[in-house]
Structure formats: structure tokens, C-alpha cells
Amino acid sequence: MVFMTPVSSYLALSILFSVTIFISGISEIIYSISNRKEMDNWGWVLTGGIIDLLFGLWLMASPLLSIAILPFVVGFMLMVRSMMAIGFAIDLKTFLIAAGLAISFEYFRSAFFVCIALESRRLQD
């Protein structure tokens, strides 16, 4: 079905990513507020959640914009989240070395997907 109607599939994918970013923002806001006493840097998580919430809302309001910048948004978000997770893994290393390595590996893998997303966008142009 995707190969028969690629434009409508891409539109559906862009709407799905817009809604996912919006829901991610809501989740991060709830998480940061509920854990503000346990977390040292909960303000950063709250700020990221607010940015995701507003960005998701903006993308849901304009689907054509969402289609145009979808590869860049996905690549940038994966890159930023990978860097955040690397920092988190380094902090976690003091507590659980094995878990820190597992999280670091997971987000190095995400950085690989950033390269793929940016390369596919370059090939489309």
C-alpha cells in the first residue's frame, strides 16, 4: 500500500510524527513536574517538553510544513536526544556501569539513524 500511494503515506507519516512530538512534549512536562524533587536538572526536561509540545502543535496545524521539514526534524531530534542520553549515561556510570554502557550504545545507534535521515533528505533533493 505504501508503494502504491507514496504521497499519502508520507502525509500520514508526517501527521503521525507531529502527533508523536506533541504527546512526547506532554509526557516530558508531566514527568519533569512529578519528579522535580528527585531530579537535579528537572528544568531542562520541562523546557524540552514545552518546546516539543509547541513544536508538535505547530506541525499539526500546518501539514505542508510538516511534510517539508520532517526529515530535518527527525534527524535533529535524534541527534539532540543522542547527546542528552550520552550525558545521562555518563552520569549513570557512577551508579551502574553496565546500564550506562547499554544506554550509550542505544543512543550511538540513534546517531547512526540521524546520518541516514540526513543522507536520505540529501538524496531526495
PDB file of N, CA and C in Angstrom:
ATOM      1  N   MET A   1       0.813  -1.187   0.000  1.00  0.00           N
ATOM      2  CA  MET A   1       0.000   0.000   0.000  1.00  0.00           C
ATOM      3  C   MET A   1       0.867   1.266   0.000  1.00  0.00           C
ATOM      4  N   VAL A   2       1.981   1.216   0.708  1.00  0.00           N
ATOM      5  CA  VAL A   2       2.864   2.381   0.760  1.00  0.00           C
ATOM      6  C   VAL A   2       3.447   2.671  -0.618  1.00  0.00           C
ATOM      7  N   PHE A   3       3.768   1.633  -1.367  1.00  0.00           N
ATOM      8  CA  PHE A   3       4.375   1.843  -2.678  1.00  0.00           C
ATOM      9  C   PHE A   3       3.354   2.298  -3.711  1.00  0.00           C
ATOM     10  N   MET A   4       2.078   2.036  -3.470  1.00  0.00           N
ATOM     11  CA  MET A   4       1.040   2.439  -4.415  1.00  0.00           C
ATOM     12  C   MET A   4       0.690   3.924  -4.256  1.00  0.00           C
ATOM     13  N   THR A   5       0.728   4.423  -3.038  1.00  0.00           N
ATOM     14  CA  THR A   5       0.394   5.823  -2.770  1.00  0.00           C
ATOM     15  C   THR A   5       1.455   6.446  -1.867  1.00  0.00           C
ATOM     16  N   PRO A   6       2.634   6.731  -2.399  1.00  0.00           N
ATOM     17  CA  PRO A   6       3.708   7.243  -1.535  1.00  0.00           C
ATOM     18  C   PRO A   6       3.432   8.630  -0.969  1.00  0.00           C
ATOM     19  N   VAL A   7       2.733   9.489  -1.691  1.00  0.00           N
ATOM     20  CA  VAL A   7       2.478  10.839  -1.197  1.00  0.00           C
ATOM     21  C   VAL A   7       1.543  10.808   0.004  1.00  0.00           C
ATOM     22  N   SER A   8       0.471  10.045  -0.089  1.00  0.00           N
ATOM     23  CA  SER A   8      -0.449   9.957   1.044  1.00  0.00           C
ATOM     24  C   SER A   8       0.194   9.231   2.219  1.00  0.00           C
ATOM     25  N   SER A   9       1.068   8.279   1.937  1.00  0.00           N
ATOM     26  CA  SER A   9       1.786   7.595   3.017  1.00  0.00           C
ATOM     27  C   SER A   9       2.731   8.561   3.725  1.00  0.00           C
ATOM     28  N   TYR A  10       3.400   9.414   2.968  1.00  0.00           N
ATOM     29  CA  TYR A  10       4.298  10.401   3.560  1.00  0.00           C
ATOM     30  C   TYR A  10       3.527  11.437   4.374  1.00  0.00           C
ATOM     31  N   LEU A  11       2.344  11.821   3.875  1.00  0.00           N
ATOM     32  CA  LEU A  11       1.488  12.739   4.629  1.00  0.00           C
ATOM     33  C   LEU A  11       1.046  12.103   5.944  1.00  0.00           C
ATOM     34  N   ALA A  12       0.644  10.842   5.889  1.00  0.00           N
ATOM     35  CA  ALA A  12       0.238  10.146   7.118  1.00  0.00           C
ATOM     36  C   ALA A  12       1.412  10.030   8.082  1.00  0.00           C
ATOM     37  N   LEU A  13       2.595   9.774   7.564  1.00  0.00           N
ATOM     38  CA  LEU A  13       3.789   9.695   8.406  1.00  0.00           C
ATOM     39  C   LEU A  13       4.104  11.038   9.048  1.00  0.00           C
ATOM     40  N   SER A  14       3.949  12.112   8.298  1.00  0.00           N
ATOM     41  CA  SER A  14       4.227  13.437   8.867  1.00  0.00           C
ATOM     42  C   SER A  14       3.211  13.791   9.951  1.00  0.00           C
ATOM     43  N   ILE A  15       1.951  13.435   9.757  1.00  0.00           N
ATOM     44  CA  ILE A  15       0.940  13.671  10.791  1.00  0.00           C
ATOM     45  C   ILE A  15       1.235  12.822  12.020  1.00  0.00           C
ATOM     46  N   LEU A  16       1.641  11.580  11.799  1.00  0.00           N
ATOM     47  CA  LEU A  16       1.988  10.699  12.915  1.00  0.00           C
ATOM     48  C   LEU A  16       3.152  11.275  13.727  1.00  0.00           C
ATOM     49  N   PHE A  17       4.176  11.780  13.054  1.00  0.00           N
ATOM     50  CA  PHE A  17       5.306  12.380  13.761  1.00  0.00           C
ATOM     51  C   PHE A  17       4.895  13.658  14.495  1.00  0.00           C
ATOM     52  N   SER A  18       4.020  14.442  13.907  1.00  0.00           N
ATOM     53  CA  SER A  18       3.538  15.649  14.577  1.00  0.00           C
ATOM     54  C   SER A  18       2.816  15.310  15.871  1.00  0.00           C
ATOM     55  N   VAL A  19       1.935  14.327  15.803  1.00  0.00           N
ATOM     56  CA  VAL A  19       1.192  13.904  16.997  1.00  0.00           C
ATOM     57  C   VAL A  19       2.139  13.283  18.018  1.00  0.00           C
ATOM     58  N   THR A  20       3.121  12.513  17.548  1.00  0.00           N
ATOM     59  CA  THR A  20       4.085  11.896  18.455  1.00  0.00           C
ATOM     60  C   THR A  20       4.917  12.949  19.180  1.00  0.00           C
ATOM     61  N   ILE A  21       5.345  13.976  18.482  1.00  0.00           N
ATOM     62  CA  ILE A  21       6.109  15.052  19.113  1.00  0.00           C
ATOM     63  C   ILE A  21       5.250  15.769  20.142  1.00  0.00           C
ATOM     64  N   PHE A  22       3.997  16.003  19.813  1.00  0.00           N
ATOM     65  CA  PHE A  22       3.072  16.659  20.736  1.00  0.00           C
ATOM     66  C   PHE A  22       2.879  15.827  22.007  1.00  0.00           C
ATOM     67  N   ILE A  23       2.628  14.543  21.850  1.00  0.00           N
ATOM     68  CA  ILE A  23       2.434  13.652  23.005  1.00  0.00           C
ATOM     69  C   ILE A  23       3.724  13.512  23.811  1.00  0.00           C
ATOM     70  N   SER A  24       4.850  13.489  23.131  1.00  0.00           N
ATOM     71  CA  SER A  24       6.139  13.434  23.822  1.00  0.00           C
ATOM     72  C   SER A  24       6.338  14.671  24.692  1.00  0.00           C
ATOM     73  N   GLY A  25       5.951  15.827  24.183  1.00  0.00           N
ATOM     74  CA  GLY A  25       6.057  17.057  24.965  1.00  0.00           C
ATOM     75  C   GLY A  25       5.195  17.009  26.212  1.00  0.00           C
ATOM     76  N   ILE A  26       3.964  16.525  26.082  1.00  0.00           N
ATOM     77  CA  ILE A  26       3.080  16.389  27.242  1.00  0.00           C
ATOM     78  C   ILE A  26       3.679  15.435  28.263  1.00  0.00           C
ATOM     79  N   SER A  27       4.207  14.311  27.781  1.00  0.00           N
ATOM     80  CA  SER A  27       4.803  13.315  28.683  1.00  0.00           C
ATOM     81  C   SER A  27       6.006  13.879  29.430  1.00  0.00           C
ATOM     82  N   GLU A  28       6.862  14.609  28.733  1.00  0.00           N
ATOM     83  CA  GLU A  28       8.041  15.184  29.378  1.00  0.00           C
ATOM     84  C   GLU A  28       7.665  16.243  30.406  1.00  0.00           C
ATOM     85  N   ILE A  29       6.645  17.028  30.113  1.00  0.00           N
ATOM     86  CA  ILE A  29       6.192  18.033  31.078  1.00  0.00           C
ATOM     87  C   ILE A  29       5.670  17.347  32.338  1.00  0.00           C
ATOM     88  N   ILE A  30       4.840  16.339  32.178  1.00  0.00           N
ATOM     89  CA  ILE A  30       4.296  15.612  33.332  1.00  0.00           C
ATOM     90  C   ILE A  30       5.420  14.943  34.118  1.00  0.00           C
ATOM     91  N   TYR A  31       6.358  14.327  33.410  1.00  0.00           N
ATOM     92  CA  TYR A  31       7.477  13.651  34.067  1.00  0.00           C
ATOM     93  C   TYR A  31       8.331  14.626  34.868  1.00  0.00           C
ATOM     94  N   SER A  32       8.653  15.768  34.261  1.00  0.00           N
ATOM     95  CA  SER A  32       9.533  16.713  34.957  1.00  0.00           C
ATOM     96  C   SER A  32       8.858  17.328  36.176  1.00  0.00           C
ATOM     97  N   ILE A  33       7.583  17.636  36.072  1.00  0.00           N
ATOM     98  CA  ILE A  33       6.886  18.232  37.216  1.00  0.00           C
ATOM     99  C   ILE A  33       6.708  17.216  38.337  1.00  0.00           C
ATOM    100  N   SER A  34       6.393  15.977  37.982  1.00  0.00           N
ATOM    101  CA  SER A  34       6.175  14.972  39.026  1.00  0.00           C
ATOM    102  C   SER A  34       7.472  14.518  39.691  1.00  0.00           C
ATOM    103  N   ASN A  35       8.610  14.698  39.033  1.00  0.00           N
ATOM    104  CA  ASN A  35       9.884  14.255  39.596  1.00  0.00           C
ATOM    105  C   ASN A  35      10.829  15.416  39.904  1.00  0.00           C
ATOM    106  N   ARG A  36      10.307  16.602  40.098  1.00  0.00           N
ATOM    107  CA  ARG A  36      11.179  17.757  40.298  1.00  0.00           C
ATOM    108  C   ARG A  36      11.963  17.692  41.602  1.00  0.00           C
ATOM    109  N   LYS A  37      11.462  16.971  42.605  1.00  0.00           N
ATOM    110  CA  LYS A  37      12.186  16.871  43.875  1.00  0.00           C
ATOM    111  C   LYS A  37      13.297  15.828  43.815  1.00  0.00           C
ATOM    112  N   GLU A  38      13.170  14.855  42.929  1.00  0.00           N
ATOM    113  CA  GLU A  38      14.180  13.807  42.800  1.00  0.00           C
ATOM    114  C   GLU A  38      15.258  14.137  41.774  1.00  0.00           C
ATOM    115  N   MET A  39      14.954  15.033  40.847  1.00  0.00           N
ATOM    116  CA  MET A  39      15.886  15.340  39.762  1.00  0.00           C
ATOM    117  C   MET A  39      16.564  16.680  40.016  1.00  0.00           C
ATOM    118  N   ASP A  40      17.859  16.721  39.749  1.00  0.00           N
ATOM    119  CA  ASP A  40      18.597  17.976  39.910  1.00  0.00           C
ATOM    120  C   ASP A  40      18.291  18.958  38.786  1.00  0.00           C
ATOM    121  N   ASN A  41      18.235  18.463  37.568  1.00  0.00           N
ATOM    122  CA  ASN A  41      18.057  19.329  36.401  1.00  0.00           C
ATOM    123  C   ASN A  41      16.685  19.138  35.768  1.00  0.00           C
ATOM    124  N   TRP A  42      15.650  19.160  36.566  1.00  0.00           N
ATOM    125  CA  TRP A  42      14.307  18.920  36.045  1.00  0.00           C
ATOM    126  C   TRP A  42      13.836  20.066  35.157  1.00  0.00           C
ATOM    127  N   GLY A  43      14.400  21.236  35.316  1.00  0.00           N
ATOM    128  CA  GLY A  43      14.009  22.376  34.487  1.00  0.00           C
ATOM    129  C   GLY A  43      14.334  22.179  33.018  1.00  0.00           C
ATOM    130  N   TRP A  44      15.450  21.485  32.752  1.00  0.00           N
ATOM    131  CA  TRP A  44      15.816  21.208  31.365  1.00  0.00           C
ATOM    132  C   TRP A  44      14.820  20.257  30.717  1.00  0.00           C
ATOM    133  N   VAL A  45      14.385  19.260  31.472  1.00  0.00           N
ATOM    134  CA  VAL A  45      13.394  18.316  30.945  1.00  0.00           C
ATOM    135  C   VAL A  45      12.077  19.049  30.696  1.00  0.00           C
ATOM    136  N   LEU A  46      11.704  19.953  31.616  1.00  0.00           N
ATOM    137  CA  LEU A  46      10.486  20.739  31.446  1.00  0.00           C
ATOM    138  C   LEU A  46      10.585  21.637  30.215  1.00  0.00           C
ATOM    139  N   THR A  47      11.724  22.277  30.027  1.00  0.00           N
ATOM    140  CA  THR A  47      11.924  23.133  28.866  1.00  0.00           C
ATOM    141  C   THR A  47      11.838  22.339  27.566  1.00  0.00           C
ATOM    142  N   GLY A  48      12.471  21.177  27.557  1.00  0.00           N
ATOM    143  CA  GLY A  48      12.391  20.319  26.372  1.00  0.00           C
ATOM    144  C   GLY A  48      10.969  19.872  26.094  1.00  0.00           C
ATOM    145  N   GLY A  49      10.212  19.583  27.146  1.00  0.00           N
ATOM    146  CA  GLY A  49       8.823  19.183  26.980  1.00  0.00           C
ATOM    147  C   GLY A  49       7.964  20.301  26.428  1.00  0.00           C
ATOM    148  N   ILE A  50       8.189  21.512  26.908  1.00  0.00           N
ATOM    149  CA  ILE A  50       7.423  22.658  26.408  1.00  0.00           C
ATOM    150  C   ILE A  50       7.754  22.916  24.937  1.00  0.00           C
ATOM    151  N   ILE A  51       9.031  22.811  24.586  1.00  0.00           N
ATOM    152  CA  ILE A  51       9.433  23.004  23.187  1.00  0.00           C
ATOM    153  C   ILE A  51       8.808  21.933  22.303  1.00  0.00           C
ATOM    154  N   ASP A  52       8.847  20.671  22.743  1.00  0.00           N
ATOM    155  CA  ASP A  52       8.231  19.596  21.970  1.00  0.00           C
ATOM    156  C   ASP A  52       6.728  19.796  21.835  1.00  0.00           C
ATOM    157  N   LEU A  53       6.076  20.224  22.895  1.00  0.00           N
ATOM    158  CA  LEU A  53       4.635  20.451  22.866  1.00  0.00           C
ATOM    159  C   LEU A  53       4.272  21.543  21.853  1.00  0.00           C
ATOM    160  N   LEU A  54       4.963  22.663  21.913  1.00  0.00           N
ATOM    161  CA  LEU A  54       4.680  23.766  20.995  1.00  0.00           C
ATOM    162  C   LEU A  54       5.030  23.402  19.546  1.00  0.00           C
ATOM    163  N   PHE A  55       6.141  22.703  19.385  1.00  0.00           N
ATOM    164  CA  PHE A  55       6.565  22.309  18.040  1.00  0.00           C
ATOM    165  C   PHE A  55       5.590  21.302  17.434  1.00  0.00           C
ATOM    166  N   GLY A  56       5.146  20.338  18.232  1.00  0.00           N
ATOM    167  CA  GLY A  56       4.156  19.372  17.752  1.00  0.00           C
ATOM    168  C   GLY A  56       2.850  20.033  17.395  1.00  0.00           C
ATOM    169  N   LEU A  57       2.426  20.992  18.195  1.00  0.00           N
ATOM    170  CA  LEU A  57       1.190  21.726  17.918  1.00  0.00           C
ATOM    171  C   LEU A  57       1.316  22.517  16.617  1.00  0.00           C
ATOM    172  N   TRP A  58       2.456  23.145  16.424  1.00  0.00           N
ATOM    173  CA  TRP A  58       2.707  23.913  15.210  1.00  0.00           C
ATOM    174  C   TRP A  58       2.695  23.012  13.977  1.00  0.00           C
ATOM    175  N   LEU A  59       3.334  21.836  14.090  1.00  0.00           N
ATOM    176  CA  LEU A  59       3.370  20.921  12.952  1.00  0.00           C
ATOM    177  C   LEU A  59       1.998  20.322  12.660  1.00  0.00           C
ATOM    178  N   MET A  60       1.197  20.077  13.697  1.00  0.00           N
ATOM    179  CA  MET A  60      -0.149  19.559  13.466  1.00  0.00           C
ATOM    180  C   MET A  60      -1.030  20.607  12.790  1.00  0.00           C
ATOM    181  N   ALA A  61      -0.779  21.882  13.051  1.00  0.00           N
ATOM    182  CA  ALA A  61      -1.587  22.951  12.465  1.00  0.00           C
ATOM    183  C   ALA A  61      -1.275  23.169  10.983  1.00  0.00           C
ATOM    184  N   SER A  62      -0.075  22.824  10.545  1.00  0.00           N
ATOM    185  CA  SER A  62       0.295  23.026   9.141  1.00  0.00           C
ATOM    186  C   SER A  62       0.958  21.766   8.589  1.00  0.00           C
ATOM    187  N   PRO A  63       0.159  20.866   8.002  1.00  0.00           N
ATOM    188  CA  PRO A  63       0.707  19.604   7.480  1.00  0.00           C
ATOM    189  C   PRO A  63       1.728  19.780   6.362  1.00  0.00           C
ATOM    190  N   LEU A  64       1.586  20.806   5.528  1.00  0.00           N
ATOM    191  CA  LEU A  64       2.567  21.004   4.447  1.00  0.00           C
ATOM    192  C   LEU A  64       3.937  21.365   5.003  1.00  0.00           C
ATOM    193  N   LEU A  65       3.946  22.153   6.055  1.00  0.00           N
ATOM    194  CA  LEU A  65       5.208  22.462   6.725  1.00  0.00           C
ATOM    195  C   LEU A  65       5.797  21.201   7.336  1.00  0.00           C
ATOM    196  N   SER A  66       4.934  20.393   7.899  1.00  0.00           N
ATOM    197  CA  SER A  66       5.382  19.142   8.496  1.00  0.00           C
ATOM    198  C   SER A  66       6.019  18.224   7.465  1.00  0.00           C
ATOM    199  N   ILE A  67       5.431  18.163   6.298  1.00  0.00           N
ATOM    200  CA  ILE A  67       5.998  17.337   5.219  1.00  0.00           C
ATOM    201  C   ILE A  67       7.368  17.863   4.796  1.00  0.00           C
ATOM    202  N   ALA A  68       7.491  19.173   4.702  1.00  0.00           N
ATOM    203  CA  ALA A  68       8.729  19.773   4.206  1.00  0.00           C
ATOM    204  C   ALA A  68       9.898  19.590   5.167  1.00  0.00           C
ATOM    205  N   ILE A  69       9.633  19.672   6.462  1.00  0.00           N
ATOM    206  CA  ILE A  69      10.745  19.635   7.410  1.00  0.00           C
ATOM    207  C   ILE A  69      10.844  18.330   8.190  1.00  0.00           C
ATOM    208  N   LEU A  70      10.026  17.350   7.856  1.00  0.00           N
ATOM    209  CA  LEU A  70      10.047  16.077   8.581  1.00  0.00           C
ATOM    210  C   LEU A  70      11.431  15.434   8.648  1.00  0.00           C
ATOM    211  N   PRO A  71      12.172  15.309   7.552  1.00  0.00           N
ATOM    212  CA  PRO A  71      13.498  14.691   7.667  1.00  0.00           C
ATOM    213  C   PRO A  71      14.454  15.467   8.565  1.00  0.00           C
ATOM    214  N   PHE A  72      14.375  16.790   8.515  1.00  0.00           N
ATOM    215  CA  PHE A  72      15.246  17.608   9.356  1.00  0.00           C
ATOM    216  C   PHE A  72      14.867  17.491  10.829  1.00  0.00           C
ATOM    217  N   VAL A  73      13.582  17.484  11.107  1.00  0.00           N
ATOM    218  CA  VAL A  73      13.108  17.379  12.491  1.00  0.00           C
ATOM    219  C   VAL A  73      13.523  16.046  13.094  1.00  0.00           C
ATOM    220  N   VAL A  74      13.306  14.989  12.361  1.00  0.00           N
ATOM    221  CA  VAL A  74      13.667  13.663  12.863  1.00  0.00           C
ATOM    222  C   VAL A  74      15.177  13.571  13.078  1.00  0.00           C
ATOM    223  N   GLY A  75      15.954  14.038  12.121  1.00  0.00           N
ATOM    224  CA  GLY A  75      17.408  13.993  12.260  1.00  0.00           C
ATOM    225  C   GLY A  75      17.909  14.826  13.425  1.00  0.00           C
ATOM    226  N   PHE A  76      17.390  16.043  13.567  1.00  0.00           N
ATOM    227  CA  PHE A  76      17.826  16.919  14.650  1.00  0.00           C
ATOM    228  C   PHE A  76      17.415  16.365  16.009  1.00  0.00           C
ATOM    229  N   MET A  77      16.177  15.877  16.113  1.00  0.00           N
ATOM    230  CA  MET A  77      15.722  15.337  17.401  1.00  0.00           C
ATOM    231  C   MET A  77      16.538  14.110  17.799  1.00  0.00           C
ATOM    232  N   LEU A  78      16.818  13.246  16.851  1.00  0.00           N
ATOM    233  CA  LEU A  78      17.635  12.077  17.170  1.00  0.00           C
ATOM    234  C   LEU A  78      19.041  12.484  17.609  1.00  0.00           C
ATOM    235  N   MET A  79      19.590  13.501  16.964  1.00  0.00           N
ATOM    236  CA  MET A  79      20.925  13.964  17.321  1.00  0.00           C
ATOM    237  C   MET A  79      20.942  14.561  18.736  1.00  0.00           C
ATOM    238  N   VAL A  80      19.975  15.418  19.047  1.00  0.00           N
ATOM    239  CA  VAL A  80      19.926  16.043  20.365  1.00  0.00           C
ATOM    240  C   VAL A  80      19.660  15.008  21.453  1.00  0.00           C
ATOM    241  N   ARG A  81      18.706  14.119  21.195  1.00  0.00           N
ATOM    242  CA  ARG A  81      18.400  13.089  22.195  1.00  0.00           C
ATOM    243  C   ARG A  81      19.579  12.142  22.393  1.00  0.00           C
ATOM    244  N   SER A  82      20.335  11.908  21.348  1.00  0.00           N
ATOM    245  CA  SER A  82      21.525  11.067  21.483  1.00  0.00           C
ATOM    246  C   SER A  82      22.561  11.723  22.383  1.00  0.00           C
ATOM    247  N   MET A  83      22.760  13.025  22.202  1.00  0.00           N
ATOM    248  CA  MET A  83      23.719  13.733  23.049  1.00  0.00           C
ATOM    249  C   MET A  83      23.238  13.776  24.501  1.00  0.00           C
ATOM    250  N   MET A  84      21.941  13.984  24.692  1.00  0.00           N
ATOM    251  CA  MET A  84      21.398  14.004  26.051  1.00  0.00           C
ATOM    252  C   MET A  84      21.561  12.637  26.713  1.00  0.00           C
ATOM    253  N   ALA A  85      21.331  11.589  25.952  1.00  0.00           N
ATOM    254  CA  ALA A  85      21.440  10.253  26.518  1.00  0.00           C
ATOM    255  C   ALA A  85      22.887   9.883  26.821  1.00  0.00           C
ATOM    256  N   ILE A  86      23.812  10.369  26.023  1.00  0.00           N
ATOM    257  CA  ILE A  86      25.221  10.122  26.313  1.00  0.00           C
ATOM    258  C   ILE A  86      25.596  10.783  27.636  1.00  0.00           C
ATOM    259  N   GLY A  87      25.145  12.020  27.830  1.00  0.00           N
ATOM    260  CA  GLY A  87      25.386  12.687  29.116  1.00  0.00           C
ATOM    261  C   GLY A  87      24.727  11.947  30.268  1.00  0.00           C
ATOM    262  N   PHE A  88      23.513  11.476  30.047  1.00  0.00           N
ATOM    263  CA  PHE A  88      22.817  10.705  31.073  1.00  0.00           C
ATOM    264  C   PHE A  88      23.552   9.399  31.370  1.00  0.00           C
ATOM    265  N   ALA A  89      24.053   8.761  30.325  1.00  0.00           N
ATOM    266  CA  ALA A  89      24.787   7.513  30.516  1.00  0.00           C
ATOM    267  C   ALA A  89      26.080   7.738  31.294  1.00  0.00           C
ATOM    268  N   ILE A  90      26.737   8.849  31.052  1.00  0.00           N
ATOM    269  CA  ILE A  90      27.962   9.164  31.798  1.00  0.00           C
ATOM    270  C   ILE A  90      27.625   9.388  33.266  1.00  0.00           C
ATOM    271  N   ASP A  91      26.520  10.103  33.542  1.00  0.00           N
ATOM    272  CA  ASP A  91      26.084  10.277  34.926  1.00  0.00           C
ATOM    273  C   ASP A  91      25.699   8.949  35.559  1.00  0.00           C
ATOM    274  N   LEU A  92      25.074   8.121  34.770  1.00  0.00           N
ATOM    275  CA  LEU A  92      24.617   6.829  35.273  1.00  0.00           C
ATOM    276  C   LEU A  92      25.787   5.885  35.550  1.00  0.00           C
ATOM    277  N   LYS A  93      26.903   6.136  34.895  1.00  0.00           N
ATOM    278  CA  LYS A  93      28.072   5.279  35.048  1.00  0.00           C
ATOM    279  C   LYS A  93      28.518   5.193  36.512  1.00  0.00           C
ATOM    280  N   THR A  94      28.322   6.250  37.246  1.00  0.00           N
ATOM    281  CA  THR A  94      28.727   6.222  38.655  1.00  0.00           C
ATOM    282  C   THR A  94      27.874   5.254  39.475  1.00  0.00           C
ATOM    283  N   PHE A  95      26.669   4.982  38.986  1.00  0.00           N
ATOM    284  CA  PHE A  95      25.782   4.083  39.708  1.00  0.00           C
ATOM    285  C   PHE A  95      25.813   2.670  39.140  1.00  0.00           C
ATOM    286  N   LEU A  96      25.587   2.567  37.858  1.00  0.00           N
ATOM    287  CA  LEU A  96      25.529   1.256  37.213  1.00  0.00           C
ATOM    288  C   LEU A  96      26.314   1.293  35.910  1.00  0.00           C
ATOM    289  N   ILE A  97      27.485   0.737  35.913  1.00  0.00           N
ATOM    290  CA  ILE A  97      28.338   0.796  34.729  1.00  0.00           C
ATOM    291  C   ILE A  97      27.703   0.038  33.570  1.00  0.00           C
ATOM    292  N   ALA A  98      27.134  -1.117  33.811  1.00  0.00           N
ATOM    293  CA  ALA A  98      26.538  -1.909  32.737  1.00  0.00           C
ATOM    294  C   ALA A  98      25.346  -1.196  32.111  1.00  0.00           C
ATOM    295  N   ALA A  99      24.501  -0.598  32.914  1.00  0.00           N
ATOM    296  CA  ALA A  99      23.336   0.105  32.383  1.00  0.00           C
ATOM    297  C   ALA A  99      23.778   1.342  31.592  1.00  0.00           C
ATOM    298  N   GLY A 100      24.806   2.015  32.062  1.00  0.00           N
ATOM    299  CA  GLY A 100      25.322   3.181  31.346  1.00  0.00           C
ATOM    300  C   GLY A 100      25.843   2.805  29.972  1.00  0.00           C
ATOM    301  N   LEU A 101      26.532   1.684  29.874  1.00  0.00           N
ATOM    302  CA  LEU A 101      27.033   1.231  28.580  1.00  0.00           C
ATOM    303  C   LEU A 101      25.891   0.856  27.651  1.00  0.00           C
ATOM    304  N   ALA A 102      24.861   0.218  28.196  1.00  0.00           N
ATOM    305  CA  ALA A 102      23.713  -0.162  27.380  1.00  0.00           C
ATOM    306  C   ALA A 102      23.002   1.069  26.829  1.00  0.00           C
ATOM    307  N   ILE A 103      22.826   2.083  27.654  1.00  0.00           N
ATOM    308  CA  ILE A 103      22.165   3.303  27.196  1.00  0.00           C
ATOM    309  C   ILE A 103      23.043   4.038  26.199  1.00  0.00           C
ATOM    310  N   SER A 104      24.346   4.075  26.426  1.00  0.00           N
ATOM    311  CA  SER A 104      25.250   4.725  25.479  1.00  0.00           C
ATOM    312  C   SER A 104      25.181   4.054  24.116  1.00  0.00           C
ATOM    313  N   PHE A 105      25.179   2.722  24.108  1.00  0.00           N
ATOM    314  CA  PHE A 105      25.077   2.001  22.850  1.00  0.00           C
ATOM    315  C   PHE A 105      23.775   2.330  22.134  1.00  0.00           C
ATOM    316  N   GLU A 106      22.686   2.393  22.873  1.00  0.00           N
ATOM    317  CA  GLU A 106      21.379   2.672  22.278  1.00  0.00           C
ATOM    318  C   GLU A 106      21.369   4.029  21.586  1.00  0.00           C
ATOM    319  N   TYR A 107      21.988   5.018  22.185  1.00  0.00           N
ATOM    320  CA  TYR A 107      21.942   6.341  21.594  1.00  0.00           C
ATOM    321  C   TYR A 107      23.037   6.586  20.567  1.00  0.00           C
ATOM    322  N   PHE A 108      24.097   5.793  20.580  1.00  0.00           N
ATOM    323  CA  PHE A 108      25.029   5.841  19.456  1.00  0.00           C
ATOM    324  C   PHE A 108      24.341   5.275  18.227  1.00  0.00           C
ATOM    325  N   ARG A 109      23.475   4.291  18.449  1.00  0.00           N
ATOM    326  CA  ARG A 109      22.694   3.726  17.359  1.00  0.00           C
ATOM    327  C   ARG A 109      21.753   4.796  16.812  1.00  0.00           C
ATOM    328  N   SER A 110      21.186   5.622  17.677  1.00  0.00           N
ATOM    329  CA  SER A 110      20.305   6.703  17.236  1.00  0.00           C
ATOM    330  C   SER A 110      21.072   7.712  16.393  1.00  0.00           C
ATOM    331  N   ALA A 111      22.305   7.986  16.759  1.00  0.00           N
ATOM    332  CA  ALA A 111      23.123   8.907  15.973  1.00  0.00           C
ATOM    333  C   ALA A 111      23.335   8.366  14.561  1.00  0.00           C
ATOM    334  N   PHE A 112      23.427   7.063  14.442  1.00  0.00           N
ATOM    335  CA  PHE A 112      23.547   6.431  13.133  1.00  0.00           C
ATOM    336  C   PHE A 112      22.304   6.730  12.294  1.00  0.00           C
ATOM    337  N   PHE A 113      21.114   6.683  12.916  1.00  0.00           N
ATOM    338  CA  PHE A 113      19.880   6.961  12.195  1.00  0.00           C
ATOM    339  C   PHE A 113      19.772   8.431  11.801  1.00  0.00           C
ATOM    340  N   VAL A 114      20.418   9.313  12.563  1.00  0.00           N
ATOM    341  CA  VAL A 114      20.458  10.728  12.174  1.00  0.00           C
ATOM    342  C   VAL A 114      21.183  10.851  10.836  1.00  0.00           C
ATOM    343  N   CYS A 115      22.297  10.176  10.720  1.00  0.00           N
ATOM    344  CA  CYS A 115      23.065  10.223   9.470  1.00  0.00           C
ATOM    345  C   CYS A 115      22.241   9.677   8.308  1.00  0.00           C
ATOM    346  N   ILE A 116      21.510   8.601   8.533  1.00  0.00           N
ATOM    347  CA  ILE A 116      20.677   8.023   7.478  1.00  0.00           C
ATOM    348  C   ILE A 116      19.573   8.994   7.077  1.00  0.00           C
ATOM    349  N   ALA A 117      18.918   9.627   8.058  1.00  0.00           N
ATOM    350  CA  ALA A 117      17.829  10.560   7.753  1.00  0.00           C
ATOM    351  C   ALA A 117      18.334  11.751   6.960  1.00  0.00           C
ATOM    352  N   LEU A 118      19.471  12.299   7.351  1.00  0.00           N
ATOM    353  CA  LEU A 118      20.014  13.449   6.633  1.00  0.00           C
ATOM    354  C   LEU A 118      20.478  13.067   5.232  1.00  0.00           C
ATOM    355  N   GLU A 119      21.044  11.882   5.098  1.00  0.00           N
ATOM    356  CA  GLU A 119      21.501  11.426   3.790  1.00  0.00           C
ATOM    357  C   GLU A 119      20.321  11.183   2.858  1.00  0.00           C
ATOM    358  N   SER A 120      19.223  10.606   3.373  1.00  0.00           N
ATOM    359  CA  SER A 120      18.055  10.364   2.528  1.00  0.00           C
ATOM    360  C   SER A 120      17.442  11.689   2.069  1.00  0.00           C
ATOM    361  N   ARG A 121      17.480  12.700   2.939  1.00  0.00           N
ATOM    362  CA  ARG A 121      16.973  14.021   2.559  1.00  0.00           C
ATOM    363  C   ARG A 121      17.848  14.625   1.466  1.00  0.00           C
ATOM    364  N   ARG A 122      19.156  14.430   1.592  1.00  0.00           N
ATOM    365  CA  ARG A 122      20.070  14.964   0.585  1.00  0.00           C
ATOM    366  C   ARG A 122      19.837  14.281  -0.761  1.00  0.00           C
ATOM    367  N   LEU A 123      19.576  12.982  -0.746  1.00  0.00           N
ATOM    368  CA  LEU A 123      19.344  12.242  -1.982  1.00  0.00           C
ATOM    369  C   LEU A 123      18.007  12.622  -2.632  1.00  0.00           C
ATOM    370  N   GLN A 124      17.035  13.060  -1.835  1.00  0.00           N
ATOM    371  CA  GLN A 124      15.754  13.469  -2.392  1.00  0.00           C
ATOM    372  C   GLN A 124      15.881  14.773  -3.156  1.00  0.00           C
ATOM    373  N   ASP A 125      16.803  15.620  -2.744  1.00  0.00           N
ATOM    374  CA  ASP A 125      16.975  16.920  -3.412  1.00  0.00           C
ATOM    375  C   ASP A 125      17.772  16.762  -4.658  1.00  0.00           C
TER     376      ASP A 125
END
